Amino acid sequence: MYFAKFLALAPLLSLASAGVAIVGFTDTGTCNSGVGETIITQDGQCTTFNTGYNGIQVAGGGSDSCFLQVFFDTACNDQSPSNIGPINNPNLGGCIGPFPVTGGGFSTPIRSGKLINCPT
């Protein structure tokens, strides 16, 4: 269900220069258990996800310099150490995650994200 919605959004996002669809999942590696979707439309704007995502799939326009930053908190302060992208890379269609492991070896879900260096 979520993957079908994800694929349906991809053509619409190609019309916008800075728009990224993020589909979130509770599982990592396979992205089978969807929990929500988020669309980020503006460069540099912090966007909170509906719940924590352990795995994601992304699609959207952008450029070779357009990346997605993801964060462990809802206010875009506690950044994951890596950026995702470039967003227009066709290899981004797969499942991304898990995100860095903390203390007890548990996957830490991401809770917000923002676009960086994306055309507006």
PDB file of N, CA and C in Angstrom:
ATOM      1  N   MET A   1       0.816  -1.183   0.000  1.00  0.00           N
ATOM      2  CA  MET A   1       0.000   0.000   0.000  1.00  0.00           C
ATOM      3  C   MET A   1       0.866   1.256   0.000  1.00  0.00           C
ATOM      4  N   TYR A   2       1.810   1.337   0.918  1.00  0.00           N
ATOM      5  CA  TYR A   2       2.651   2.526   0.983  1.00  0.00           C
ATOM      6  C   TYR A   2       3.545   2.638  -0.243  1.00  0.00           C
ATOM      7  N   PHE A   3       4.061   1.505  -0.731  1.00  0.00           N
ATOM      8  CA  PHE A   3       4.926   1.566  -1.895  1.00  0.00           C
ATOM      9  C   PHE A   3       4.147   2.030  -3.122  1.00  0.00           C
ATOM     10  N   ALA A   4       2.887   1.619  -3.245  1.00  0.00           N
ATOM     11  CA  ALA A   4       2.055   2.065  -4.364  1.00  0.00           C
ATOM     12  C   ALA A   4       1.839   3.573  -4.301  1.00  0.00           C
ATOM     13  N   LYS A   5       1.576   4.097  -3.099  1.00  0.00           N
ATOM     14  CA  LYS A   5       1.432   5.550  -2.941  1.00  0.00           C
ATOM     15  C   LYS A   5       2.737   6.249  -3.283  1.00  0.00           C
ATOM     16  N   PHE A   6       3.836   5.647  -2.846  1.00  0.00           N
ATOM     17  CA  PHE A   6       5.162   6.192  -3.107  1.00  0.00           C
ATOM     18  C   PHE A   6       5.393   6.319  -4.609  1.00  0.00           C
ATOM     19  N   LEU A   7       5.091   5.271  -5.350  1.00  0.00           N
ATOM     20  CA  LEU A   7       5.273   5.301  -6.795  1.00  0.00           C
ATOM     21  C   LEU A   7       4.331   6.301  -7.459  1.00  0.00           C
ATOM     22  N   ALA A   8       3.139   6.454  -6.915  1.00  0.00           N
ATOM     23  CA  ALA A   8       2.179   7.394  -7.481  1.00  0.00           C
ATOM     24  C   ALA A   8       2.638   8.838  -7.294  1.00  0.00           C
ATOM     25  N   LEU A   9       3.376   9.123  -6.219  1.00  0.00           N
ATOM     26  CA  LEU A   9       3.847  10.482  -5.955  1.00  0.00           C
ATOM     27  C   LEU A   9       5.032  10.875  -6.826  1.00  0.00           C
ATOM     28  N   ALA A  10       5.834   9.939  -7.247  1.00  0.00           N
ATOM     29  CA  ALA A  10       7.077  10.238  -7.958  1.00  0.00           C
ATOM     30  C   ALA A  10       6.885  11.133  -9.187  1.00  0.00           C
ATOM     31  N   PRO A  11       5.915  10.869 -10.084  1.00  0.00           N
ATOM     32  CA  PRO A  11       5.759  11.759 -11.241  1.00  0.00           C
ATOM     33  C   PRO A  11       5.348  13.171 -10.845  1.00  0.00           C
ATOM     34  N   LEU A  12       4.551  13.312  -9.809  1.00  0.00           N
ATOM     35  CA  LEU A  12       4.133  14.638  -9.372  1.00  0.00           C
ATOM     36  C   LEU A  12       5.307  15.430  -8.835  1.00  0.00           C
ATOM     37  N   LEU A  13       6.196  14.763  -8.141  1.00  0.00           N
ATOM     38  CA  LEU A  13       7.330  15.452  -7.560  1.00  0.00           C
ATOM     39  C   LEU A  13       8.328  15.904  -8.607  1.00  0.00           C
ATOM     40  N   SER A  14       8.364  15.255  -9.735  1.00  0.00           N
ATOM     41  CA  SER A  14       9.298  15.677 -10.770  1.00  0.00           C
ATOM     42  C   SER A  14       8.897  17.035 -11.341  1.00  0.00           C
ATOM     43  N   LEU A  15       7.644  17.439 -11.153  1.00  0.00           N
ATOM     44  CA  LEU A  15       7.194  18.744 -11.609  1.00  0.00           C
ATOM     45  C   LEU A  15       7.684  19.859 -10.699  1.00  0.00           C
ATOM     46  N   ALA A  16       7.988  19.540  -9.469  1.00  0.00           N
ATOM     47  CA  ALA A  16       8.474  20.536  -8.520  1.00  0.00           C
ATOM     48  C   ALA A  16       9.983  20.399  -8.408  1.00  0.00           C
ATOM     49  N   SER A  17      10.674  21.529  -8.407  1.00  0.00           N
ATOM     50  CA  SER A  17      12.125  21.446  -8.366  1.00  0.00           C
ATOM     51  C   SER A  17      12.640  21.039  -6.998  1.00  0.00           C
ATOM     52  N   ALA A  18      11.966  21.412  -5.931  1.00  0.00           N
ATOM     53  CA  ALA A  18      12.419  21.031  -4.593  1.00  0.00           C
ATOM     54  C   ALA A  18      11.266  20.384  -3.850  1.00  0.00           C
ATOM     55  N   GLY A  19      11.115  19.111  -4.020  1.00  0.00           N
ATOM     56  CA  GLY A  19      10.089  18.369  -3.318  1.00  0.00           C
ATOM     57  C   GLY A  19      10.522  16.934  -3.186  1.00  0.00           C
ATOM     58  N   VAL A  20      10.458  16.426  -1.971  1.00  0.00           N
ATOM     59  CA  VAL A  20      10.897  15.060  -1.728  1.00  0.00           C
ATOM     60  C   VAL A  20       9.820  14.331  -0.947  1.00  0.00           C
ATOM     61  N   ALA A  21       9.409  13.167  -1.450  1.00  0.00           N
ATOM     62  CA  ALA A  21       8.462  12.315  -0.735  1.00  0.00           C
ATOM     63  C   ALA A  21       9.260  11.299   0.066  1.00  0.00           C
ATOM     64  N   ILE A  22       8.892  11.152   1.326  1.00  0.00           N
ATOM     65  CA  ILE A  22       9.535  10.193   2.214  1.00  0.00           C
ATOM     66  C   ILE A  22       8.460   9.252   2.718  1.00  0.00           C
ATOM     67  N   VAL A  23       8.649   7.960   2.500  1.00  0.00           N
ATOM     68  CA  VAL A  23       7.741   6.953   3.036  1.00  0.00           C
ATOM     69  C   VAL A  23       8.491   6.267   4.166  1.00  0.00           C
ATOM     70  N   GLY A  24       7.867   6.235   5.358  1.00  0.00           N
ATOM     71  CA  GLY A  24       8.521   5.681   6.536  1.00  0.00           C
ATOM     72  C   GLY A  24       8.047   4.279   6.870  1.00  0.00           C
ATOM     73  N   PHE A  25       8.952   3.496   7.459  1.00  0.00           N
ATOM     74  CA  PHE A  25       8.684   2.100   7.791  1.00  0.00           C
ATOM     75  C   PHE A  25       9.197   1.781   9.192  1.00  0.00           C
ATOM     76  N   THR A  26       8.558   0.809   9.847  1.00  0.00           N
ATOM     77  CA  THR A  26       9.024   0.377  11.161  1.00  0.00           C
ATOM     78  C   THR A  26      10.200  -0.574  11.044  1.00  0.00           C
ATOM     79  N   ASP A  27      10.292  -1.288   9.934  1.00  0.00           N
ATOM     80  CA  ASP A  27      11.387  -2.240   9.752  1.00  0.00           C
ATOM     81  C   ASP A  27      12.519  -1.599   8.953  1.00  0.00           C
ATOM     82  N   THR A  28      13.683  -2.212   9.017  1.00  0.00           N
ATOM     83  CA  THR A  28      14.830  -1.719   8.262  1.00  0.00           C
ATOM     84  C   THR A  28      15.263  -2.779   7.265  1.00  0.00           C
ATOM     85  N   GLY A  29      15.864  -2.338   6.215  1.00  0.00           N
ATOM     86  CA  GLY A  29      16.402  -3.269   5.231  1.00  0.00           C
ATOM     87  C   GLY A  29      15.427  -3.719   4.171  1.00  0.00           C
ATOM     88  N   THR A  30      14.171  -3.968   4.540  1.00  0.00           N
ATOM     89  CA  THR A  30      13.182  -4.429   3.566  1.00  0.00           C
ATOM     90  C   THR A  30      12.077  -3.412   3.315  1.00  0.00           C
ATOM     91  N   CYS A  31      11.812  -2.538   4.266  1.00  0.00           N
ATOM     92  CA  CYS A  31      10.771  -1.517   4.135  1.00  0.00           C
ATOM     93  C   CYS A  31       9.427  -2.129   3.742  1.00  0.00           C
ATOM     94  N   ASN A  32       8.950  -3.073   4.548  1.00  0.00           N
ATOM     95  CA  ASN A  32       7.661  -3.716   4.301  1.00  0.00           C
ATOM     96  C   ASN A  32       6.538  -3.185   5.177  1.00  0.00           C
ATOM     97  N   SER A  33       6.855  -2.702   6.378  1.00  0.00           N
ATOM     98  CA  SER A  33       5.824  -2.287   7.336  1.00  0.00           C
ATOM     99  C   SER A  33       5.723  -0.768   7.375  1.00  0.00           C
ATOM    100  N   GLY A  34       4.910  -0.215   6.475  1.00  0.00           N
ATOM    101  CA  GLY A  34       4.767   1.238   6.368  1.00  0.00           C
ATOM    102  C   GLY A  34       4.025   1.852   7.535  1.00  0.00           C
ATOM    103  N   VAL A  35       4.486   3.039   7.951  1.00  0.00           N
ATOM    104  CA  VAL A  35       3.834   3.752   9.055  1.00  0.00           C
ATOM    105  C   VAL A  35       3.457   5.181   8.693  1.00  0.00           C
ATOM    106  N   GLY A  36       3.783   5.640   7.512  1.00  0.00           N
ATOM    107  CA  GLY A  36       3.388   6.993   7.140  1.00  0.00           C
ATOM    108  C   GLY A  36       4.218   7.545   6.005  1.00  0.00           C
ATOM    109  N   GLU A  37       3.804   8.713   5.546  1.00  0.00           N
ATOM    110  CA  GLU A  37       4.548   9.386   4.500  1.00  0.00           C
ATOM    111  C   GLU A  37       4.581  10.880   4.771  1.00  0.00           C
ATOM    112  N   THR A  38       5.624  11.523   4.290  1.00  0.00           N
ATOM    113  CA  THR A  38       5.847  12.950   4.494  1.00  0.00           C
ATOM    114  C   THR A  38       6.382  13.526   3.194  1.00  0.00           C
ATOM    115  N   ILE A  39       5.948  14.737   2.855  1.00  0.00           N
ATOM    116  CA  ILE A  39       6.505  15.431   1.701  1.00  0.00           C
ATOM    117  C   ILE A  39       7.158  16.711   2.196  1.00  0.00           C
ATOM    118  N   ILE A  40       8.431  16.891   1.856  1.00  0.00           N
ATOM    119  CA  ILE A  40       9.153  18.119   2.192  1.00  0.00           C
ATOM    120  C   ILE A  40       9.267  18.927   0.909  1.00  0.00           C
ATOM    121  N   THR A  41       8.776  20.166   0.930  1.00  0.00           N
ATOM    122  CA  THR A  41       8.711  20.956  -0.297  1.00  0.00           C
ATOM    123  C   THR A  41       9.643  22.154  -0.325  1.00  0.00           C
ATOM    124  N   GLN A  42      10.215  22.549   0.813  1.00  0.00           N
ATOM    125  CA  GLN A  42      11.049  23.748   0.817  1.00  0.00           C
ATOM    126  C   GLN A  42      12.436  23.457   1.356  1.00  0.00           C
ATOM    127  N   ASP A  43      13.428  23.983   0.686  1.00  0.00           N
ATOM    128  CA  ASP A  43      14.815  23.840   1.101  1.00  0.00           C
ATOM    129  C   ASP A  43      15.020  24.479   2.472  1.00  0.00           C
ATOM    130  N   GLY A  44      15.676  23.750   3.365  1.00  0.00           N
ATOM    131  CA  GLY A  44      16.028  24.286   4.677  1.00  0.00           C
ATOM    132  C   GLY A  44      14.925  24.281   5.712  1.00  0.00           C
ATOM    133  N   GLN A  45      13.725  23.847   5.369  1.00  0.00           N
ATOM    134  CA  GLN A  45      12.602  23.856   6.310  1.00  0.00           C
ATOM    135  C   GLN A  45      12.538  22.531   7.063  1.00  0.00           C
ATOM    136  N   CYS A  46      12.552  22.610   8.405  1.00  0.00           N
ATOM    137  CA  CYS A  46      12.429  21.407   9.224  1.00  0.00           C
ATOM    138  C   CYS A  46      11.008  20.858   9.111  1.00  0.00           C
ATOM    139  N   THR A  47      10.895  19.584   8.818  1.00  0.00           N
ATOM    140  CA  THR A  47       9.600  18.928   8.695  1.00  0.00           C
ATOM    141  C   THR A  47       9.566  17.727   9.627  1.00  0.00           C
ATOM    142  N   THR A  48       8.566  17.701  10.513  1.00  0.00           N
ATOM    143  CA  THR A  48       8.418  16.609  11.477  1.00  0.00           C
ATOM    144  C   THR A  48       7.647  15.464  10.834  1.00  0.00           C
ATOM    145  N   PHE A  49       8.107  14.234  11.063  1.00  0.00           N
ATOM    146  CA  PHE A  49       7.416  13.053  10.559  1.00  0.00           C
ATOM    147  C   PHE A  49       6.281  12.689  11.508  1.00  0.00           C
ATOM    148  N   ASN A  50       5.278  11.956  11.007  1.00  0.00           N
ATOM    149  CA  ASN A  50       4.119  11.597  11.826  1.00  0.00           C
ATOM    150  C   ASN A  50       4.481  10.647  12.963  1.00  0.00           C
ATOM    151  N   THR A  51       5.577   9.909  12.817  1.00  0.00           N
ATOM    152  CA  THR A  51       6.080   8.989  13.841  1.00  0.00           C
ATOM    153  C   THR A  51       7.540   8.716  13.511  1.00  0.00           C
ATOM    154  N   GLY A  52       8.232   7.984  14.361  1.00  0.00           N
ATOM    155  CA  GLY A  52       9.619   7.647  14.073  1.00  0.00           C
ATOM    156  C   GLY A  52       9.722   6.635  12.946  1.00  0.00           C
ATOM    157  N   TYR A  53      10.666   6.840  12.040  1.00  0.00           N
ATOM    158  CA  TYR A  53      10.896   5.941  10.914  1.00  0.00           C
ATOM    159  C   TYR A  53      12.219   5.203  11.123  1.00  0.00           C
ATOM    160  N   ASN A  54      12.192   3.870  11.078  1.00  0.00           N
ATOM    161  CA  ASN A  54      13.419   3.074  11.157  1.00  0.00           C
ATOM    162  C   ASN A  54      14.024   2.814   9.783  1.00  0.00           C
ATOM    163  N   GLY A  55      13.199   2.843   8.758  1.00  0.00           N
ATOM    164  CA  GLY A  55      13.632   2.701   7.375  1.00  0.00           C
ATOM    165  C   GLY A  55      12.821   3.661   6.527  1.00  0.00           C
ATOM    166  N   ILE A  56      13.393   4.142   5.425  1.00  0.00           N
ATOM    167  CA  ILE A  56      12.673   5.067   4.543  1.00  0.00           C
ATOM    168  C   ILE A  56      12.944   4.730   3.084  1.00  0.00           C
ATOM    169  N   GLN A  57      12.030   5.199   2.234  1.00  0.00           N
ATOM    170  CA  GLN A  57      12.236   5.267   0.797  1.00  0.00           C
ATOM    171  C   GLN A  57      11.982   6.709   0.411  1.00  0.00           C
ATOM    172  N   VAL A  58      12.766   7.240  -0.516  1.00  0.00           N
ATOM    173  CA  VAL A  58      12.615   8.638  -0.919  1.00  0.00           C
ATOM    174  C   VAL A  58      12.500   8.739  -2.431  1.00  0.00           C
ATOM    175  N   ALA A  59      11.796   9.776  -2.882  1.00  0.00           N
ATOM    176  CA  ALA A  59      11.693  10.074  -4.309  1.00  0.00           C
ATOM    177  C   ALA A  59      11.480  11.564  -4.455  1.00  0.00           C
ATOM    178  N   GLY A  60      11.968  12.119  -5.533  1.00  0.00           N
ATOM    179  CA  GLY A  60      11.730  13.529  -5.766  1.00  0.00           C
ATOM    180  C   GLY A  60      12.700  14.120  -6.750  1.00  0.00           C
ATOM    181  N   GLY A  61      12.484  15.395  -7.015  1.00  0.00           N
ATOM    182  CA  GLY A  61      13.356  16.124  -7.918  1.00  0.00           C
ATOM    183  C   GLY A  61      14.613  16.556  -7.201  1.00  0.00           C
ATOM    184  N   GLY A  62      15.229  17.567  -7.706  1.00  0.00           N
ATOM    185  CA  GLY A  62      16.435  18.063  -7.068  1.00  0.00           C
ATOM    186  C   GLY A  62      17.556  18.222  -8.059  1.00  0.00           C
ATOM    187  N   SER A  63      18.751  18.170  -7.545  1.00  0.00           N
ATOM    188  CA  SER A  63      19.943  18.307  -8.373  1.00  0.00           C
ATOM    189  C   SER A  63      21.039  17.453  -7.756  1.00  0.00           C
ATOM    190  N   ASP A  64      22.212  17.484  -8.357  1.00  0.00           N
ATOM    191  CA  ASP A  64      23.331  16.715  -7.815  1.00  0.00           C
ATOM    192  C   ASP A  64      23.790  17.235  -6.462  1.00  0.00           C
ATOM    193  N   SER A  65      23.373  18.446  -6.099  1.00  0.00           N
ATOM    194  CA  SER A  65      23.776  19.011  -4.809  1.00  0.00           C
ATOM    195  C   SER A  65      22.661  18.948  -3.770  1.00  0.00           C
ATOM    196  N   CYS A  66      21.515  18.359  -4.114  1.00  0.00           N
ATOM    197  CA  CYS A  66      20.342  18.316  -3.227  1.00  0.00           C
ATOM    198  C   CYS A  66      20.371  17.056  -2.360  1.00  0.00           C
ATOM    199  N   PHE A  67      20.378  17.251  -1.044  1.00  0.00           N
ATOM    200  CA  PHE A  67      20.444  16.143  -0.091  1.00  0.00           C
ATOM    201  C   PHE A  67      19.334  16.259   0.949  1.00  0.00           C
ATOM    202  N   LEU A  68      19.043  15.147   1.589  1.00  0.00           N
ATOM    203  CA  LEU A  68      18.095  15.092   2.701  1.00  0.00           C
ATOM    204  C   LEU A  68      18.885  14.873   3.984  1.00  0.00           C
ATOM    205  N   GLN A  69      18.706  15.770   4.954  1.00  0.00           N
ATOM    206  CA  GLN A  69      19.258  15.576   6.289  1.00  0.00           C
ATOM    207  C   GLN A  69      18.157  14.977   7.140  1.00  0.00           C
ATOM    208  N   VAL A  70      18.489  13.991   7.955  1.00  0.00           N
ATOM    209  CA  VAL A  70      17.504  13.400   8.861  1.00  0.00           C
ATOM    210  C   VAL A  70      17.978  13.560  10.297  1.00  0.00           C
ATOM    211  N   PHE A  71      16.999  13.623  11.210  1.00  0.00           N
ATOM    212  CA  PHE A  71      17.267  13.941  12.605  1.00  0.00           C
ATOM    213  C   PHE A  71      16.538  12.966  13.522  1.00  0.00           C
ATOM    214  N   PHE A  72      17.097  12.769  14.709  1.00  0.00           N
ATOM    215  CA  PHE A  72      16.516  11.859  15.693  1.00  0.00           C
ATOM    216  C   PHE A  72      15.442  12.522  16.548  1.00  0.00           C
ATOM    217  N   ASP A  73      15.340  13.852  16.510  1.00  0.00           N
ATOM    218  CA  ASP A  73      14.327  14.574  17.277  1.00  0.00           C
ATOM    219  C   ASP A  73      13.341  15.227  16.310  1.00  0.00           C
ATOM    220  N   THR A  74      12.277  15.829  16.837  1.00  0.00           N
ATOM    221  CA  THR A  74      11.249  16.437  15.988  1.00  0.00           C
ATOM    222  C   THR A  74      11.562  17.881  15.611  1.00  0.00           C
ATOM    223  N   ALA A  75      12.640  18.455  16.141  1.00  0.00           N
ATOM    224  CA  ALA A  75      12.953  19.860  15.895  1.00  0.00           C
ATOM    225  C   ALA A  75      14.192  20.061  15.019  1.00  0.00           C
ATOM    226  N   CYS A  76      14.681  19.011  14.387  1.00  0.00           N
ATOM    227  CA  CYS A  76      15.860  19.082  13.517  1.00  0.00           C
ATOM    228  C   CYS A  76      17.099  19.604  14.240  1.00  0.00           C
ATOM    229  N   ASN A  77      17.319  19.127  15.461  1.00  0.00           N
ATOM    230  CA  ASN A  77      18.515  19.504  16.215  1.00  0.00           C
ATOM    231  C   ASN A  77      19.514  18.360  16.333  1.00  0.00           C
ATOM    232  N   ASP A  78      19.035  17.130  16.541  1.00  0.00           N
ATOM    233  CA  ASP A  78      19.890  15.966  16.779  1.00  0.00           C
ATOM    234  C   ASP A  78      20.080  15.217  15.458  1.00  0.00           C
ATOM    235  N   GLN A  79      21.094  15.646  14.685  1.00  0.00           N
ATOM    236  CA  GLN A  79      21.265  15.158  13.316  1.00  0.00           C
ATOM    237  C   GLN A  79      21.916  13.787  13.245  1.00  0.00           C
ATOM    238  N   SER A  80      21.394  12.963  12.349  1.00  0.00           N
ATOM    239  CA  SER A  80      22.052  11.709  11.993  1.00  0.00           C
ATOM    240  C   SER A  80      23.353  12.070  11.283  1.00  0.00           C
ATOM    241  N   PRO A  81      24.416  11.305  11.476  1.00  0.00           N
ATOM    242  CA  PRO A  81      25.709  11.699  10.921  1.00  0.00           C
ATOM    243  C   PRO A  81      25.849  11.667   9.402  1.00  0.00           C
ATOM    244  N   SER A  82      24.871  11.185   8.681  1.00  0.00           N
ATOM    245  CA  SER A  82      25.023  11.153   7.225  1.00  0.00           C
ATOM    246  C   SER A  82      23.833  11.795   6.535  1.00  0.00           C
ATOM    247  N   ASN A  83      24.101  12.417   5.382  1.00  0.00           N
ATOM    248  CA  ASN A  83      23.044  12.976   4.552  1.00  0.00           C
ATOM    249  C   ASN A  83      22.670  11.952   3.488  1.00  0.00           C
ATOM    250  N   ILE A  84      21.429  11.998   3.034  1.00  0.00           N
ATOM    251  CA  ILE A  84      20.919  11.051   2.045  1.00  0.00           C
ATOM    252  C   ILE A  84      20.842  11.757   0.701  1.00  0.00           C
ATOM    253  N   GLY A  85      21.432  11.163  -0.302  1.00  0.00           N
ATOM    254  CA  GLY A  85      21.355  11.770  -1.618  1.00  0.00           C
ATOM    255  C   GLY A  85      22.621  11.580  -2.416  1.00  0.00           C
ATOM    256  N   PRO A  86      22.731  12.275  -3.529  1.00  0.00           N
ATOM    257  CA  PRO A  86      21.820  13.326  -3.965  1.00  0.00           C
ATOM    258  C   PRO A  86      20.428  12.776  -4.298  1.00  0.00           C
ATOM    259  N   ILE A  87      19.431  13.617  -4.083  1.00  0.00           N
ATOM    260  CA  ILE A  87      18.032  13.200  -4.199  1.00  0.00           C
ATOM    261  C   ILE A  87      17.695  12.734  -5.613  1.00  0.00           C
ATOM    262  N   ASN A  88      18.310  13.306  -6.631  1.00  0.00           N
ATOM    263  CA  ASN A  88      17.981  12.892  -8.001  1.00  0.00           C
ATOM    264  C   ASN A  88      18.717  11.629  -8.432  1.00  0.00           C
ATOM    265  N   ASN A  89      19.419  10.973  -7.535  1.00  0.00           N
ATOM    266  CA  ASN A  89      20.138   9.737  -7.838  1.00  0.00           C
ATOM    267  C   ASN A  89      19.131   8.603  -8.044  1.00  0.00           C
ATOM    268  N   PRO A  90      19.109   7.958  -9.205  1.00  0.00           N
ATOM    269  CA  PRO A  90      18.135   6.887  -9.445  1.00  0.00           C
ATOM    270  C   PRO A  90      18.321   5.676  -8.537  1.00  0.00           C
ATOM    271  N   ASN A  91      19.464   5.544  -7.889  1.00  0.00           N
ATOM    272  CA  ASN A  91      19.705   4.422  -6.986  1.00  0.00           C
ATOM    273  C   ASN A  91      19.069   4.607  -5.611  1.00  0.00           C
ATOM    274  N   LEU A  92      18.414   5.737  -5.373  1.00  0.00           N
ATOM    275  CA  LEU A  92      17.778   5.976  -4.077  1.00  0.00           C
ATOM    276  C   LEU A  92      16.455   5.247  -3.920  1.00  0.00           C
ATOM    277  N   GLY A  93      16.007   4.494  -4.888  1.00  0.00           N
ATOM    278  CA  GLY A  93      14.706   3.838  -4.833  1.00  0.00           C
ATOM    279  C   GLY A  93      14.583   2.736  -3.806  1.00  0.00           C
ATOM    280  N   GLY A  94      15.674   2.255  -3.269  1.00  0.00           N
ATOM    281  CA  GLY A  94      15.628   1.155  -2.316  1.00  0.00           C
ATOM    282  C   GLY A  94      15.353   1.605  -0.895  1.00  0.00           C
ATOM    283  N   CYS A  95      15.371   0.637   0.003  1.00  0.00           N
ATOM    284  CA  CYS A  95      15.125   0.897   1.420  1.00  0.00           C
ATOM    285  C   CYS A  95      16.394   1.463   2.061  1.00  0.00           C
ATOM    286  N   ILE A  96      16.258   2.573   2.772  1.00  0.00           N
ATOM    287  CA  ILE A  96      17.381   3.210   3.463  1.00  0.00           C
ATOM    288  C   ILE A  96      17.170   3.052   4.959  1.00  0.00           C
ATOM    289  N   GLY A  97      18.137   2.534   5.659  1.00  0.00           N
ATOM    290  CA  GLY A  97      18.071   2.317   7.096  1.00  0.00           C
ATOM    291  C   GLY A  97      18.771   1.006   7.402  1.00  0.00           C
ATOM    292  N   PRO A  98      19.115   0.691   8.606  1.00  0.00           N
ATOM    293  CA  PRO A  98      18.785   1.460   9.813  1.00  0.00           C
ATOM    294  C   PRO A  98      19.663   2.688   9.953  1.00  0.00           C
ATOM    295  N   PHE A  99      19.244   3.530  10.850  1.00  0.00           N
ATOM    296  CA  PHE A  99      19.995   4.737  11.140  1.00  0.00           C
ATOM    297  C   PHE A  99      20.901   4.457  12.331  1.00  0.00           C
ATOM    298  N   PRO A 100      21.896   5.281  12.604  1.00  0.00           N
ATOM    299  CA  PRO A 100      22.928   4.930  13.590  1.00  0.00           C
ATOM    300  C   PRO A 100      22.390   4.300  14.865  1.00  0.00           C
ATOM    301  N   VAL A 101      23.154   3.355  15.341  1.00  0.00           N
ATOM    302  CA  VAL A 101      22.802   2.589  16.532  1.00  0.00           C
ATOM    303  C   VAL A 101      23.305   3.332  17.762  1.00  0.00           C
ATOM    304  N   THR A 102      22.498   3.344  18.825  1.00  0.00           N
ATOM    305  CA  THR A 102      22.893   4.008  20.064  1.00  0.00           C
ATOM    306  C   THR A 102      23.090   2.987  21.164  1.00  0.00           C
ATOM    307  N   GLY A 103      23.647   3.431  22.286  1.00  0.00           N
ATOM    308  CA  GLY A 103      23.905   2.664  23.494  1.00  0.00           C
ATOM    309  C   GLY A 103      23.679   1.176  23.479  1.00  0.00           C
ATOM    310  N   GLY A 104      22.417   0.739  23.603  1.00  0.00           N
ATOM    311  CA  GLY A 104      22.120  -0.675  23.759  1.00  0.00           C
ATOM    312  C   GLY A 104      22.056  -1.454  22.466  1.00  0.00           C
ATOM    313  N   GLY A 105      22.459  -0.873  21.352  1.00  0.00           N
ATOM    314  CA  GLY A 105      22.448  -1.590  20.094  1.00  0.00           C
ATOM    315  C   GLY A 105      21.107  -1.565  19.387  1.00  0.00           C
ATOM    316  N   PHE A 106      20.233  -0.635  19.750  1.00  0.00           N
ATOM    317  CA  PHE A 106      18.926  -0.531  19.113  1.00  0.00           C
ATOM    318  C   PHE A 106      18.972   0.504  17.996  1.00  0.00           C
ATOM    319  N   SER A 107      18.228   0.264  16.949  1.00  0.00           N
ATOM    320  CA  SER A 107      18.123   1.231  15.869  1.00  0.00           C
ATOM    321  C   SER A 107      17.344   2.437  16.369  1.00  0.00           C
ATOM    322  N   THR A 108      17.888   3.616  16.133  1.00  0.00           N
ATOM    323  CA  THR A 108      17.229   4.844  16.565  1.00  0.00           C
ATOM    324  C   THR A 108      16.377   5.377  15.425  1.00  0.00           C
ATOM    325  N   PRO A 109      15.070   5.537  15.630  1.00  0.00           N
ATOM    326  CA  PRO A 109      14.248   6.062  14.534  1.00  0.00           C
ATOM    327  C   PRO A 109      14.524   7.542  14.282  1.00  0.00           C
ATOM    328  N   ILE A 110      14.369   7.938  13.025  1.00  0.00           N
ATOM    329  CA  ILE A 110      14.459   9.355  12.688  1.00  0.00           C
ATOM    330  C   ILE A 110      13.066   9.957  12.834  1.00  0.00           C
ATOM    331  N   ARG A 111      13.002  11.231  13.253  1.00  0.00           N
ATOM    332  CA  ARG A 111      11.720  11.874  13.552  1.00  0.00           C
ATOM    333  C   ARG A 111      11.470  13.166  12.778  1.00  0.00           C
ATOM    334  N   SER A 112      12.476  13.656  12.044  1.00  0.00           N
ATOM    335  CA  SER A 112      12.294  14.863  11.241  1.00  0.00           C
ATOM    336  C   SER A 112      13.364  14.911  10.161  1.00  0.00           C
ATOM    337  N   GLY A 113      13.182  15.835   9.215  1.00  0.00           N
ATOM    338  CA  GLY A 113      14.152  15.978   8.144  1.00  0.00           C
ATOM    339  C   GLY A 113      14.040  17.324   7.475  1.00  0.00           C
ATOM    340  N   LYS A 114      15.061  17.670   6.696  1.00  0.00           N
ATOM    341  CA  LYS A 114      15.016  18.883   5.884  1.00  0.00           C
ATOM    342  C   LYS A 114      15.911  18.719   4.676  1.00  0.00           C
ATOM    343  N   LEU A 115      15.576  19.449   3.625  1.00  0.00           N
ATOM    344  CA  LEU A 115      16.360  19.441   2.401  1.00  0.00           C
ATOM    345  C   LEU A 115      17.482  20.460   2.516  1.00  0.00           C
ATOM    346  N   ILE A 116      18.642  20.130   1.962  1.00  0.00           N
ATOM    347  CA  ILE A 116      19.741  21.092   1.928  1.00  0.00           C
ATOM    348  C   ILE A 116      20.262  21.207   0.496  1.00  0.00           C
ATOM    349  N   ASN A 117      20.547  22.444   0.113  1.00  0.00           N
ATOM    350  CA  ASN A 117      21.095  22.766  -1.218  1.00  0.00           C
ATOM    351  C   ASN A 117      20.182  22.346  -2.360  1.00  0.00           C
ATOM    352  N   CYS A 118      18.877  22.411  -2.154  1.00  0.00           N
ATOM    353  CA  CYS A 118      17.928  22.040  -3.205  1.00  0.00           C
ATOM    354  C   CYS A 118      17.393  23.297  -3.880  1.00  0.00           C
ATOM    355  N   PRO A 119      17.225  23.265  -5.189  1.00  0.00           N
ATOM    356  CA  PRO A 119      16.696  24.441  -5.886  1.00  0.00           C
ATOM    357  C   PRO A 119      15.272  24.756  -5.433  1.00  0.00           C
ATOM    358  N   THR A 120      14.979  26.023  -5.352  1.00  0.00           N
ATOM    359  CA  THR A 120      13.617  26.433  -4.952  1.00  0.00           C
ATOM    360  C   THR A 120      12.974  27.253  -6.039  1.00  0.00           C
TER     361      THR A 120
END
